Structures are given as C-alpha cells and as structure tokens.
Amino acid sequence: MGISVTQLVIIMVIVIVLFGTKRVRTIGTDVGEAIKNFRSSMKEGENDKSLSANASENSDAKVKLHEESKV
C-alpha cells in the first residue's frame, strides 16, 4: 500500500518541472536546516529538563540539611 520507486520518481519529476532545480534545492536546504534546529532544540529541552531535576534534588537536600541543623 506504500509508494513504489516508480511512483516516487514520477512525483520527483513533476516537482522538478513545476518548481525548477534551483527552487527544489532551496526548499531542501530550508527543510534540512529546520530539522537540524528542531533536533538541537529537543536536545536543549532534554538538557534543561535534567538540569532542573538536578536543581530540584539539590534544593531538597539543602532543605533537609537546614531542617536537621535546626534540631
């Protein structure tokens, strides 16, 4: 039920005829940059998430230490 190689080639030929090779190349570059930026943003989000989890654990430990020192 998927797209065969022949159908894919026909679609690519139609796209190249409609937009031209220069425009298709530009679109490909733009899509590639968008994917690259999306991946780097996802990695940043994961790093921020792990940093906030570590900060939360550290603040919990500080609160416990502070409570213990009062006793």
C-alpha atoms as a PDB file:
ATOM      1  CA  MET A   1       0.000   0.000   0.000  1.00  0.00           C
ATOM      2  CA  GLY A   2       3.095   2.233   0.159  1.00  0.00           C
ATOM      3  CA  ILE A   3       4.654   4.330  -2.575  1.00  0.00           C
ATOM      4  CA  SER A   4       6.722   2.383  -5.065  1.00  0.00           C
ATOM      5  CA  VAL A   5      10.015   3.606  -6.513  1.00  0.00           C
ATOM      6  CA  THR A   6       8.375   4.316  -9.880  1.00  0.00           C
ATOM      7  CA  GLN A   7       5.706   6.493  -8.279  1.00  0.00           C
ATOM      8  CA  LEU A   8       8.334   8.351  -6.274  1.00  0.00           C
ATOM      9  CA  VAL A   9      10.382   9.070  -9.410  1.00  0.00           C
ATOM     10  CA  ILE A  10       7.279  10.353 -11.239  1.00  0.00           C
ATOM     11  CA  ILE A  11       6.439  12.655  -8.319  1.00  0.00           C
ATOM     12  CA  MET A  12      10.014  13.999  -8.215  1.00  0.00           C
ATOM     13  CA  VAL A  13       9.986  14.693 -11.968  1.00  0.00           C
ATOM     14  CA  ILE A  14       6.705  16.602 -11.642  1.00  0.00           C
ATOM     15  CA  VAL A  15       8.058  18.626  -8.697  1.00  0.00           C
ATOM     16  CA  ILE A  16      11.242  19.489 -10.610  1.00  0.00           C
ATOM     17  CA  VAL A  17       9.251  20.530 -13.692  1.00  0.00           C
ATOM     18  CA  LEU A  18       6.890  22.701 -11.613  1.00  0.00           C
ATOM     19  CA  PHE A  19       9.449  24.396  -9.352  1.00  0.00           C
ATOM     20  CA  GLY A  20      12.792  24.011 -11.122  1.00  0.00           C
ATOM     21  CA  THR A  21      16.002  22.570  -9.759  1.00  0.00           C
ATOM     22  CA  LYS A  22      17.136  25.771  -8.045  1.00  0.00           C
ATOM     23  CA  ARG A  23      13.892  26.134  -6.085  1.00  0.00           C
ATOM     24  CA  VAL A  24      13.857  22.430  -5.135  1.00  0.00           C
ATOM     25  CA  ARG A  25      17.447  22.737  -3.879  1.00  0.00           C
ATOM     26  CA  THR A  26      16.498  25.792  -1.806  1.00  0.00           C
ATOM     27  CA  ILE A  27      13.493  24.008  -0.338  1.00  0.00           C
ATOM     28  CA  GLY A  28      15.671  21.007   0.528  1.00  0.00           C
ATOM     29  CA  THR A  29      18.214  23.226   2.258  1.00  0.00           C
ATOM     30  CA  ASP A  30      15.494  25.016   4.232  1.00  0.00           C
ATOM     31  CA  VAL A  31      13.892  21.748   5.321  1.00  0.00           C
ATOM     32  CA  GLY A  32      17.290  20.364   6.356  1.00  0.00           C
ATOM     33  CA  GLU A  33      18.047  23.441   8.469  1.00  0.00           C
ATOM     34  CA  ALA A  34      14.602  23.271  10.069  1.00  0.00           C
ATOM     35  CA  ILE A  35      15.141  19.621  11.043  1.00  0.00           C
ATOM     36  CA  LYS A  36      18.606  20.430  12.394  1.00  0.00           C
ATOM     37  CA  ASN A  37      17.242  23.307  14.505  1.00  0.00           C
ATOM     38  CA  PHE A  38      14.388  21.147  15.758  1.00  0.00           C
ATOM     39  CA  ARG A  39      16.771  18.403  16.869  1.00  0.00           C
ATOM     40  CA  SER A  40      19.070  20.862  18.646  1.00  0.00           C
ATOM     41  CA  SER A  41      16.055  22.415  20.411  1.00  0.00           C
ATOM     42  CA  MET A  42      14.908  18.979  21.527  1.00  0.00           C
ATOM     43  CA  LYS A  43      18.386  18.255  22.943  1.00  0.00           C
ATOM     44  CA  GLU A  44      18.375  21.625  24.746  1.00  0.00           C
ATOM     45  CA  GLY A  45      14.988  20.807  26.228  1.00  0.00           C
ATOM     46  CA  GLU A  46      16.240  17.457  27.480  1.00  0.00           C
ATOM     47  CA  ASN A  47      19.326  19.114  28.990  1.00  0.00           C
ATOM     48  CA  ASP A  48      17.190  21.787  30.665  1.00  0.00           C
ATOM     49  CA  LYS A  49      14.879  19.099  31.999  1.00  0.00           C
ATOM     50  CA  SER A  50      17.766  17.132  33.511  1.00  0.00           C
ATOM     51  CA  LEU A  51      19.320  20.310  34.915  1.00  0.00           C
ATOM     52  CA  SER A  52      16.048  21.324  36.559  1.00  0.00           C
ATOM     53  CA  ALA A  53      15.678  17.822  38.012  1.00  0.00           C
ATOM     54  CA  ASN A  54      19.200  18.035  39.445  1.00  0.00           C
ATOM     55  CA  ALA A  55      18.497  21.503  40.837  1.00  0.00           C
ATOM     56  CA  SER A  56      15.313  20.212  42.422  1.00  0.00           C
ATOM     57  CA  GLU A  57      17.180  17.336  44.050  1.00  0.00           C
ATOM     58  CA  ASN A  58      19.869  19.733  45.303  1.00  0.00           C
ATOM     59  CA  SER A  59      17.303  22.128  46.784  1.00  0.00           C
ATOM     60  CA  ASP A  60      15.524  19.222  48.500  1.00  0.00           C
ATOM     61  CA  ALA A  61      18.838  18.133  50.021  1.00  0.00           C
ATOM     62  CA  LYS A  62      19.557  21.689  51.199  1.00  0.00           C
ATOM     63  CA  VAL A  63      16.129  21.932  52.841  1.00  0.00           C
ATOM     64  CA  LYS A  64      16.699  18.631  54.656  1.00  0.00           C
ATOM     65  CA  LEU A  65      20.132  19.769  55.790  1.00  0.00           C
ATOM     66  CA  HIS A  66      18.693  23.047  57.035  1.00  0.00           C
ATOM     67  CA  GLU A  67      15.914  21.250  58.922  1.00  0.00           C
ATOM     68  CA  GLU A  68      18.413  18.858  60.506  1.00  0.00           C
ATOM     69  CA  SER A  69      20.628  21.712  61.633  1.00  0.00           C
ATOM     70  CA  LYS A  70      17.678  23.334  63.463  1.00  0.00           C
ATOM     71  CA  VAL A  71      17.142  20.229  65.587  1.00  0.00           C
END
